[in-house]
Amino acid sequence: MSTRHIDRRTLFGGTAAVVGGAALPALAASGAHAGRGGRVKTGIEVLAEAGFAELAGQAVGVISNPTGILPDLSHMVDLMHFSGEVDIVAVFGPEHGFRGTSQAGEGEDYFLDPKTGIPVYNAYNDKDRMAELLAEAGVETLVFDIQDVGSRFYTYIWTMYLALEAAAGLGVRFVVLDRPNPVSGAEASGPVLHPEHATFVGLKPIAQRHGMTVGELARLFNAEFVPEAAGAAADLTVVEMDGWNGRMHFEDTGLPWVAPSPNMPTPGTAAVYPGTCLFEATALSEGRGTTQPFQLLGAPEIDHGWAEALNGAELPGARFREAYFKPTFSKWAGEVCGGVELQVTDRRAFDPIRTGLAMIIEQRRRFGQYGWREQDGPDSYWLDKLSGNREVRLAVEEGADVDEVAEVWAEDLAAFADVREEHLIYRRRGR
């Protein structure tokens, strides 16, 4: 296995590079808590400042989507292609597609990118197809650049994992252009996936909120899982960020936010998503089809009592507004739902998973007519798939409180934390 780290401090010495005959744009900094210059520099910026030397002379494939931007909102594929320094032979789109036009559970069909003429393939949830496409396109180096949101059930990290497997099997280099984890203000938390619940919203045993960047996850995947699946680890390079540390939230970075998926409009959505996505496993609407997905939760016949009870519980960093809404699609489309709007009042104190479970426990106590969604028939539940541990559901059904439910995953989480520590880049170095 070869794993390298491209660190701007040591390699580039802070010198701006000229890319494609023009200097990389000087971009305003706004992140008061970010690193040098007041703003985090993402992996693509670090790579560009070095004149894309890491990719010189290679046939390059790119896995990206609308989040693969620079701070001036230009896209990394456009920058690399028009620089004349990078030979991009194919682009691969994850769930929602390279252009982001598809809803949940869908990719985009093959097309030629009208701006660059580069062929764009659907790489959503198909490891074997990815290996075929890499070989067909003659890819020598595969680049990953997508903004993640820090939750195990967000599928982009599993597209990265399957691509790592394919790259390892073919001897293709894999380069991750690192980006912030928008909810990295805390350690890993929540249940760890058990293998029997593996699906494309969780393929390997990591915590529900993993607390890692995609570069750090790639290191963990490549060391812990890829060799067993592919026979060897991939030749992995992580192009590190400058100015990022694991204590930051996205608001601290000074970077612009582009919605990673249609139902992830703001960093605030990402903050609650590791917990309120669990409502996908219930009969309640999780706010899809509204302007506040994962922050509006409810169903017909739910009234003000839910919000009052939740506020009475004084959950750390959270407040609840009695809310009424009518989803335009997904669960309860076209029907008026009563419920709550979750607002985060203190990011440092807020625990999205414990909050989400407390909401479910109180909802089931007051409005028990809204139960679990079954996945593939009786005794097959979405909550087991999302939490990764059926004991979570069983504890809730037996009337456990949040502290008692958390005991279900405590031992697994401690073991994952030990493994995770070996693959952290930024916090370990005190940046």
Protein backbone atom coordinates (compact mmCIF):
# COMPACT_ATOMS: atom_id res chain seq x y z
CA MET A 1 0.00 0.00 0.00
CA SER A 2 1.17 3.49 -0.81
CA THR A 3 -0.54 6.34 1.02
CA ARG A 4 0.79 9.85 0.60
CA HIS A 5 -0.29 13.18 1.99
CA ILE A 6 0.16 16.41 0.09
CA ASP A 7 0.64 19.07 2.76
CA ARG A 8 0.68 22.65 1.50
CA ARG A 9 2.86 23.85 4.38
CA THR A 10 5.79 21.63 3.50
CA LEU A 11 5.42 21.09 -0.22
CA PHE A 12 4.28 24.41 -1.60
CA GLY A 13 5.68 26.88 0.89
CA GLY A 14 2.70 29.20 0.50
CA THR A 15 3.68 30.30 -3.02
CA ALA A 16 0.78 30.99 -5.39
CA ALA A 17 0.97 29.04 -8.63
CA VAL A 18 -0.06 30.01 -12.13
CA VAL A 19 -2.64 27.63 -13.56
CA GLY A 20 -3.36 27.41 -17.26
CA GLY A 21 -1.68 30.73 -17.96
CA ALA A 22 -3.64 32.66 -15.31
CA ALA A 23 -3.20 32.99 -11.58
CA LEU A 24 -5.69 31.23 -9.36
CA PRO A 25 -8.22 33.95 -8.39
CA ALA A 26 -7.63 35.88 -5.20
CA LEU A 27 -10.71 35.10 -3.13
CA ALA A 28 -12.18 37.02 -0.23
CA ALA A 29 -11.89 35.42 3.19
CA SER A 30 -14.77 35.51 5.63
CA GLY A 31 -14.19 32.68 8.12
CA ALA A 32 -13.21 34.30 11.39
CA HIS A 33 -12.05 31.01 12.90
CA ALA A 34 -10.39 29.54 9.83
CA GLY A 35 -6.70 29.13 9.16
CA ARG A 36 -4.15 31.33 7.44
CA GLY A 37 -5.77 34.09 5.44
CA GLY A 38 -8.97 33.63 7.47
CA ARG A 39 -10.32 30.83 5.26
CA VAL A 40 -9.87 27.12 4.86
CA LYS A 41 -8.25 26.05 1.59
CA THR A 42 -9.72 22.87 0.17
CA GLY A 43 -7.79 20.07 -1.50
CA ILE A 44 -8.61 21.31 -5.01
CA GLU A 45 -7.15 24.73 -4.21
CA VAL A 46 -3.97 23.20 -2.85
CA LEU A 47 -3.70 21.01 -5.94
CA ALA A 48 -4.29 23.95 -8.28
CA GLU A 49 -1.70 26.14 -6.56
CA ALA A 50 0.85 23.42 -7.33
CA GLY A 51 -0.08 23.50 -11.01
CA PHE A 52 -1.79 20.06 -10.79
CA ALA A 53 1.65 18.42 -10.66
CA GLU A 54 0.15 15.35 -8.93
CA LEU A 55 -1.90 14.62 -12.07
CA ALA A 56 0.59 15.52 -14.77
CA GLY A 57 0.90 13.08 -17.66
CA GLN A 58 -1.93 10.81 -16.49
CA ALA A 59 -5.35 9.89 -17.85
CA VAL A 60 -7.60 11.21 -15.10
CA GLY A 61 -11.11 10.21 -14.06
CA VAL A 62 -13.10 12.41 -11.69
CA ILE A 63 -15.88 11.55 -9.24
CA SER A 64 -17.67 14.78 -8.40
CA ASN A 65 -20.97 16.63 -8.27
CA PRO A 66 -22.09 20.28 -7.93
CA THR A 67 -20.17 20.62 -4.65
CA GLY A 68 -16.78 20.19 -6.35
CA ILE A 69 -16.25 23.94 -6.41
CA LEU A 70 -13.59 26.51 -5.67
CA PRO A 71 -14.47 29.50 -3.46
CA ASP A 72 -15.24 31.61 -6.55
CA LEU A 73 -17.93 28.97 -7.35
CA SER A 74 -16.18 27.69 -10.47
CA HIS A 75 -16.17 23.90 -10.77
CA MET A 76 -13.02 21.82 -10.36
CA VAL A 77 -13.66 19.84 -13.57
CA ASP A 78 -13.85 23.07 -15.57
CA LEU A 79 -10.73 24.44 -13.87
CA MET A 80 -8.66 21.32 -14.52
CA HIS A 81 -9.91 20.83 -18.08
CA PHE A 82 -9.39 24.40 -19.25
CA SER A 83 -6.03 24.73 -17.48
CA GLY A 84 -4.58 22.45 -20.17
CA GLU A 85 -2.61 20.72 -17.42
CA VAL A 86 -4.95 17.79 -16.74
CA ASP A 87 -6.21 15.16 -19.18
CA ILE A 88 -9.69 14.29 -17.87
CA VAL A 89 -10.94 11.27 -19.80
CA ALA A 90 -14.15 10.63 -17.84
CA VAL A 91 -16.35 12.00 -15.07
CA PHE A 92 -18.40 9.75 -12.77
CA GLY A 93 -21.54 10.97 -11.01
CA PRO A 94 -22.72 9.67 -7.60
CA GLU A 95 -26.30 9.60 -6.29
CA HIS A 96 -28.19 12.65 -7.62
CA GLY A 97 -25.70 12.81 -10.48
CA PHE A 98 -22.75 14.94 -11.56
CA ARG A 99 -25.08 17.86 -12.24
CA GLY A 100 -27.31 17.09 -9.25
CA THR A 101 -30.55 16.78 -11.20
CA SER A 102 -31.83 13.52 -9.67
CA GLN A 103 -33.73 12.94 -6.45
CA ALA A 104 -32.87 10.47 -3.68
CA GLY A 105 -31.98 6.96 -4.80
CA GLU A 106 -31.25 7.96 -8.40
CA GLY A 107 -28.25 8.78 -10.57
CA GLU A 108 -27.98 10.49 -13.96
CA ASP A 109 -27.80 8.65 -17.26
CA TYR A 110 -24.71 8.86 -19.47
CA PHE A 111 -24.16 12.18 -21.29
CA LEU A 112 -21.44 14.31 -22.82
CA ASP A 113 -20.79 17.37 -20.70
CA PRO A 114 -21.78 20.30 -22.95
CA LYS A 115 -19.14 22.62 -21.52
CA THR A 116 -16.09 20.36 -21.76
CA GLY A 117 -17.16 17.50 -24.01
CA ILE A 118 -16.07 15.01 -21.34
CA PRO A 119 -18.17 11.80 -21.08
CA VAL A 120 -20.11 11.57 -17.82
CA TYR A 121 -21.09 8.14 -16.43
CA ASN A 122 -23.46 7.03 -13.69
CA ALA A 123 -21.38 5.57 -10.83
CA TYR A 124 -24.18 5.28 -8.28
CA ASN A 125 -24.16 2.03 -6.28
CA ASP A 126 -22.41 -0.23 -8.81
CA LYS A 127 -18.89 -1.39 -7.98
CA ASP A 128 -18.61 -3.81 -10.90
CA ARG A 129 -19.75 -1.17 -13.37
CA MET A 130 -17.22 1.29 -11.93
CA ALA A 131 -14.37 -1.14 -12.57
CA GLU A 132 -15.60 -1.70 -16.14
CA LEU A 133 -15.87 2.03 -16.80
CA LEU A 134 -12.41 2.79 -15.38
CA ALA A 135 -10.90 0.14 -17.64
CA GLU A 136 -12.95 1.21 -20.66
CA ALA A 137 -11.97 4.88 -20.28
CA GLY A 138 -8.33 4.03 -19.66
CA VAL A 139 -8.26 5.87 -16.33
CA GLU A 140 -4.83 5.84 -14.66
CA THR A 141 -5.68 8.14 -11.74
CA LEU A 142 -9.13 8.56 -10.21
CA VAL A 143 -9.87 11.81 -8.34
CA PHE A 144 -12.63 12.19 -5.74
CA ASP A 145 -13.91 15.68 -4.86
CA ILE A 146 -17.34 15.86 -3.17
CA GLN A 147 -18.62 17.69 -0.11
CA ASP A 148 -19.79 15.13 2.46
CA VAL A 149 -22.13 15.88 5.39
CA GLY A 150 -20.64 13.63 8.06
CA SER A 151 -23.31 10.91 8.37
CA ARG A 152 -22.86 7.21 7.65
CA PHE A 153 -26.05 7.00 5.62
CA TYR A 154 -25.04 9.74 3.14
CA THR A 155 -24.12 7.70 0.09
CA TYR A 156 -21.21 9.69 -1.38
CA ILE A 157 -18.74 8.08 1.02
CA TRP A 158 -19.88 4.64 -0.17
CA THR A 159 -19.40 5.64 -3.79
CA MET A 160 -15.87 6.59 -2.71
CA TYR A 161 -15.43 3.24 -0.97
CA LEU A 162 -16.58 1.19 -3.96
CA ALA A 163 -14.36 3.28 -6.24
CA LEU A 164 -11.41 2.61 -3.92
CA GLU A 165 -12.12 -1.11 -4.21
CA ALA A 166 -12.29 -0.89 -7.99
CA ALA A 167 -9.12 1.21 -8.17
CA ALA A 168 -7.24 -1.24 -5.95
CA GLY A 169 -8.26 -4.16 -8.13
CA LEU A 170 -7.17 -2.39 -11.32
CA GLY A 171 -4.00 -0.76 -10.01
CA VAL A 172 -5.46 2.72 -10.57
CA ARG A 173 -4.19 5.56 -8.37
CA PHE A 174 -6.80 7.19 -6.14
CA VAL A 175 -6.57 10.87 -5.17
CA VAL A 176 -8.93 12.46 -2.63
CA LEU A 177 -9.20 16.24 -2.68
CA ASP A 178 -10.20 16.83 0.90
CA ARG A 179 -13.07 19.02 2.09
CA PRO A 180 -14.47 19.94 5.53
CA ASN A 181 -16.80 17.74 7.51
CA PRO A 182 -19.55 20.29 8.26
CA VAL A 183 -20.47 18.62 11.58
CA SER A 184 -16.96 17.85 12.84
CA GLY A 185 -17.31 19.87 16.03
CA ALA A 186 -17.65 16.64 18.02
CA GLU A 187 -16.15 13.18 18.18
CA ALA A 188 -17.74 10.20 16.45
CA SER A 189 -21.12 9.35 17.93
CA GLY A 190 -24.05 6.99 17.62
CA PRO A 191 -24.37 3.30 16.75
CA VAL A 192 -21.81 1.49 14.61
CA LEU A 193 -23.11 -0.54 11.67
CA HIS A 194 -23.42 -4.29 12.19
CA PRO A 195 -22.56 -6.28 9.03
CA GLU A 196 -25.98 -7.91 8.70
CA HIS A 197 -27.51 -4.46 8.12
CA ALA A 198 -25.11 -3.43 5.36
CA THR A 199 -26.74 -1.57 2.44
CA PHE A 200 -25.70 1.38 0.29
CA VAL A 201 -26.64 3.70 3.16
CA GLY A 202 -23.98 1.93 5.21
CA LEU A 203 -21.62 -0.68 3.84
CA LYS A 204 -19.00 -0.98 6.57
CA PRO A 205 -18.82 -0.68 10.38
CA ILE A 206 -18.42 3.02 11.02
CA ALA A 207 -20.36 5.23 13.45
CA GLN A 208 -23.58 6.97 12.47
CA ARG A 209 -21.79 10.33 12.83
CA HIS A 210 -18.23 9.44 11.92
CA GLY A 211 -16.54 12.78 12.62
CA MET A 212 -14.05 12.44 9.74
CA THR A 213 -13.31 14.22 6.48
CA VAL A 214 -13.56 12.24 3.24
CA GLY A 215 -9.76 12.12 3.14
CA GLU A 216 -9.61 10.61 6.61
CA LEU A 217 -12.39 8.17 5.74
CA ALA A 218 -10.50 7.14 2.62
CA ARG A 219 -7.47 6.33 4.78
CA LEU A 220 -9.63 4.24 7.12
CA PHE A 221 -11.42 2.45 4.27
CA ASN A 222 -8.17 1.76 2.45
CA ALA A 223 -6.45 0.31 5.48
CA GLU A 224 -9.31 -1.54 7.17
CA PHE A 225 -11.67 -2.75 4.43
CA VAL A 226 -10.29 -2.49 0.89
CA PRO A 227 -7.50 -5.11 1.22
CA GLU A 228 -9.95 -7.82 2.26
CA ALA A 229 -12.32 -6.99 -0.61
CA ALA A 230 -9.81 -6.29 -3.38
CA GLY A 231 -6.76 -8.31 -2.32
CA ALA A 232 -4.66 -5.19 -1.76
CA ALA A 233 -5.01 -1.57 -0.72
CA ALA A 234 -5.24 1.17 -3.31
CA ASP A 235 -2.42 3.59 -4.10
CA LEU A 236 -4.03 6.45 -2.18
CA THR A 237 -3.09 10.12 -2.03
CA VAL A 238 -4.97 12.61 0.15
CA VAL A 239 -4.50 16.24 -0.85
CA GLU A 240 -4.99 17.90 2.50
CA MET A 241 -6.74 21.15 3.35
CA ASP A 242 -4.93 24.14 4.74
CA GLY A 243 -6.38 25.88 7.80
CA TRP A 244 -8.82 23.12 8.78
CA ASN A 245 -8.99 21.39 12.13
CA GLY A 246 -11.43 18.80 13.38
CA ARG A 247 -13.04 21.16 15.90
CA MET A 248 -14.54 23.36 13.16
CA HIS A 249 -18.04 23.47 11.77
CA PHE A 250 -18.70 24.53 8.21
CA GLU A 251 -19.63 28.05 9.29
CA ASP A 252 -16.06 28.48 10.56
CA THR A 253 -14.41 27.79 7.21
CA GLY A 254 -15.25 30.91 5.19
CA LEU A 255 -16.24 28.66 2.28
CA PRO A 256 -19.45 28.88 0.23
CA TRP A 257 -22.07 26.17 0.64
CA VAL A 258 -23.50 24.38 -2.38
CA ALA A 259 -26.29 21.94 -1.52
CA PRO A 260 -24.70 18.45 -1.68
CA SER A 261 -28.11 16.98 -2.54
CA PRO A 262 -31.61 18.35 -3.20
CA ASN A 263 -32.68 17.92 0.43
CA MET A 264 -29.52 19.31 2.05
CA PRO A 265 -29.98 23.05 1.39
CA THR A 266 -27.93 24.54 4.25
CA PRO A 267 -25.19 23.69 6.76
CA GLY A 268 -27.97 23.84 9.36
CA THR A 269 -29.68 20.92 7.62
CA ALA A 270 -26.44 18.96 7.80
CA ALA A 271 -26.18 19.69 11.53
CA VAL A 272 -29.47 17.93 12.34
CA TYR A 273 -29.37 15.26 9.62
CA PRO A 274 -27.38 12.58 11.55
CA GLY A 275 -30.33 12.36 13.96
CA THR A 276 -33.50 13.44 12.20
CA CYS A 277 -32.77 11.27 9.16
CA LEU A 278 -33.92 8.47 11.48
CA PHE A 279 -37.45 9.73 10.86
CA GLU A 280 -37.11 8.20 7.39
CA ALA A 281 -37.62 4.94 9.29
CA THR A 282 -40.97 6.10 10.70
CA ALA A 283 -44.37 6.94 9.25
CA LEU A 284 -43.77 10.64 9.95
CA SER A 285 -42.64 13.08 7.28
CA GLU A 286 -39.00 14.09 7.69
CA GLY A 287 -39.73 17.30 5.81
CA ARG A 288 -39.00 16.14 2.28
CA GLY A 289 -41.15 18.19 -0.05
CA THR A 290 -40.79 21.29 2.15
CA THR A 291 -38.19 24.06 2.30
CA GLN A 292 -36.85 22.68 5.62
CA PRO A 293 -36.11 18.98 5.13
CA PHE A 294 -34.95 17.19 8.29
CA GLN A 295 -35.88 20.24 10.38
CA LEU A 296 -39.66 19.94 9.92
CA LEU A 297 -40.99 16.64 11.28
CA GLY A 298 -44.61 15.59 11.58
CA ALA A 299 -47.75 13.85 10.35
CA PRO A 300 -51.51 14.40 10.31
CA GLU A 301 -53.13 14.36 13.78
CA ILE A 302 -49.95 15.40 15.60
CA ASP A 303 -50.57 18.55 17.66
CA HIS A 304 -48.84 21.09 19.90
CA GLY A 305 -48.24 18.52 22.63
CA TRP A 306 -45.14 17.10 20.95
CA ALA A 307 -43.31 20.44 20.84
CA GLU A 308 -44.30 21.25 24.42
CA ALA A 309 -43.01 17.91 25.70
CA LEU A 310 -39.73 18.20 23.80
CA ASN A 311 -39.07 21.73 25.06
CA GLY A 312 -39.91 20.52 28.56
CA ALA A 313 -37.20 17.87 28.24
CA GLU A 314 -34.58 20.65 27.78
CA LEU A 315 -32.52 18.72 25.27
CA PRO A 316 -29.05 20.32 25.04
CA GLY A 317 -28.63 22.85 22.23
CA ALA A 318 -32.14 22.37 20.81
CA ARG A 319 -35.51 24.14 20.79
CA PHE A 320 -38.75 23.11 19.11
CA ARG A 321 -41.41 25.22 17.44
CA GLU A 322 -44.94 23.93 16.99
CA ALA A 323 -45.24 23.70 13.20
CA TYR A 324 -47.71 22.84 10.46
CA PHE A 325 -46.74 22.06 6.87
CA LYS A 326 -47.93 20.37 3.68
CA PRO A 327 -45.25 18.32 1.84
CA THR A 328 -45.31 18.58 -1.96
CA PHE A 329 -43.85 15.08 -2.38
CA SER A 330 -42.72 12.03 -0.39
CA LYS A 331 -44.61 10.98 2.77
CA TRP A 332 -47.98 12.69 3.38
CA ALA A 333 -47.70 14.67 0.14
CA GLY A 334 -50.53 17.18 -0.18
CA GLU A 335 -51.75 16.65 3.40
CA VAL A 336 -51.45 19.07 6.30
CA CYS A 337 -49.05 17.72 8.91
CA GLY A 338 -48.69 18.86 12.49
CA GLY A 339 -45.36 18.55 14.23
CA VAL A 340 -42.24 20.48 15.10
CA GLU A 341 -39.51 22.58 13.61
CA LEU A 342 -36.16 21.71 15.19
CA GLN A 343 -33.80 24.64 15.73
CA VAL A 344 -30.23 24.29 16.98
CA THR A 345 -29.42 26.93 19.59
CA ASP A 346 -25.93 25.77 20.55
CA ARG A 347 -23.88 23.79 18.03
CA ARG A 348 -21.32 22.73 20.63
CA ALA A 349 -23.91 21.29 23.02
CA PHE A 350 -26.22 19.80 20.38
CA ASP A 351 -26.11 16.03 19.83
CA PRO A 352 -28.19 15.25 16.73
CA ILE A 353 -28.46 11.49 17.30
CA ARG A 354 -29.56 11.68 20.92
CA THR A 355 -31.93 14.51 19.98
CA GLY A 356 -33.43 12.55 17.08
CA LEU A 357 -33.97 9.50 19.28
CA ALA A 358 -35.52 11.61 22.06
CA MET A 359 -37.94 13.00 19.49
CA ILE A 360 -38.88 9.51 18.28
CA ILE A 361 -39.32 8.19 21.83
CA GLU A 362 -41.64 11.09 22.76
CA GLN A 363 -43.56 10.85 19.47
CA ARG A 364 -44.20 7.14 20.00
CA ARG A 365 -45.40 7.83 23.56
CA ARG A 366 -47.86 10.53 22.50
CA PHE A 367 -48.74 9.57 18.94
CA GLY A 368 -48.11 5.85 18.79
CA GLN A 369 -50.33 5.36 15.75
CA TYR A 370 -47.31 6.35 13.66
CA GLY A 371 -44.95 3.38 13.82
CA TRP A 372 -41.89 2.07 12.02
CA ARG A 373 -41.64 1.65 8.26
CA GLU A 374 -40.91 -1.87 7.13
CA GLN A 375 -38.13 -2.32 4.58
CA ASP A 376 -38.76 -5.58 2.72
CA GLY A 377 -41.69 -7.08 4.57
CA PRO A 378 -42.66 -7.96 8.14
CA ASP A 379 -39.88 -7.82 10.73
CA SER A 380 -37.57 -5.95 8.33
CA TYR A 381 -37.26 -2.38 9.46
CA TRP A 382 -35.72 0.77 7.98
CA LEU A 383 -34.53 1.81 11.42
CA ASP A 384 -32.28 -1.25 11.63
CA LYS A 385 -30.77 -0.27 8.27
CA LEU A 386 -30.24 3.39 9.24
CA SER A 387 -29.00 2.83 12.79
CA GLY A 388 -27.08 -0.29 11.77
CA ASN A 389 -28.03 -2.01 15.01
CA ARG A 390 -31.44 -3.68 15.60
CA GLU A 391 -30.94 -3.36 19.37
CA VAL A 392 -31.58 0.38 19.00
CA ARG A 393 -35.11 -0.28 17.73
CA LEU A 394 -35.75 -2.98 20.31
CA ALA A 395 -34.65 -0.70 23.15
CA VAL A 396 -37.00 2.06 21.95
CA GLU A 397 -39.86 -0.44 21.68
CA GLU A 398 -39.20 -1.62 25.24
CA GLY A 399 -39.58 1.92 26.57
CA ALA A 400 -35.93 2.79 27.13
CA ASP A 401 -34.94 6.46 27.53
CA VAL A 402 -32.17 8.05 25.46
CA ASP A 403 -29.41 7.25 27.96
CA GLU A 404 -30.46 3.61 28.04
CA VAL A 405 -30.60 3.42 24.23
CA ALA A 406 -27.12 4.92 24.00
CA GLU A 407 -25.79 2.09 26.17
CA VAL A 408 -26.69 -0.28 23.32
CA TRP A 409 -23.90 1.10 21.12
CA ALA A 410 -21.36 2.28 23.72
CA GLU A 411 -18.96 -0.66 23.37
CA ASP A 412 -19.07 -0.64 19.55
CA LEU A 413 -18.48 3.12 19.47
CA ALA A 414 -15.45 2.89 21.76
CA ALA A 415 -13.90 0.25 19.49
CA PHE A 416 -14.58 2.35 16.39
CA ALA A 417 -13.08 5.42 18.07
CA ASP A 418 -9.82 3.53 18.59
CA VAL A 419 -9.64 2.51 14.91
CA ARG A 420 -10.69 5.99 13.75
CA GLU A 421 -7.91 7.66 15.74
CA GLU A 422 -5.25 5.94 13.64
CA HIS A 423 -6.53 7.56 10.44
CA LEU A 424 -7.19 11.15 11.52
CA ILE A 425 -5.06 13.76 9.79
CA TYR A 426 -5.89 17.20 11.15
CA ARG A 427 -6.84 16.87 14.80
CA ARG A 428 -3.87 14.60 15.51
CA ARG A 429 -1.54 17.28 14.17
CA GLY A 430 -3.19 20.04 16.19
CA ARG A 431 -4.23 22.08 13.16
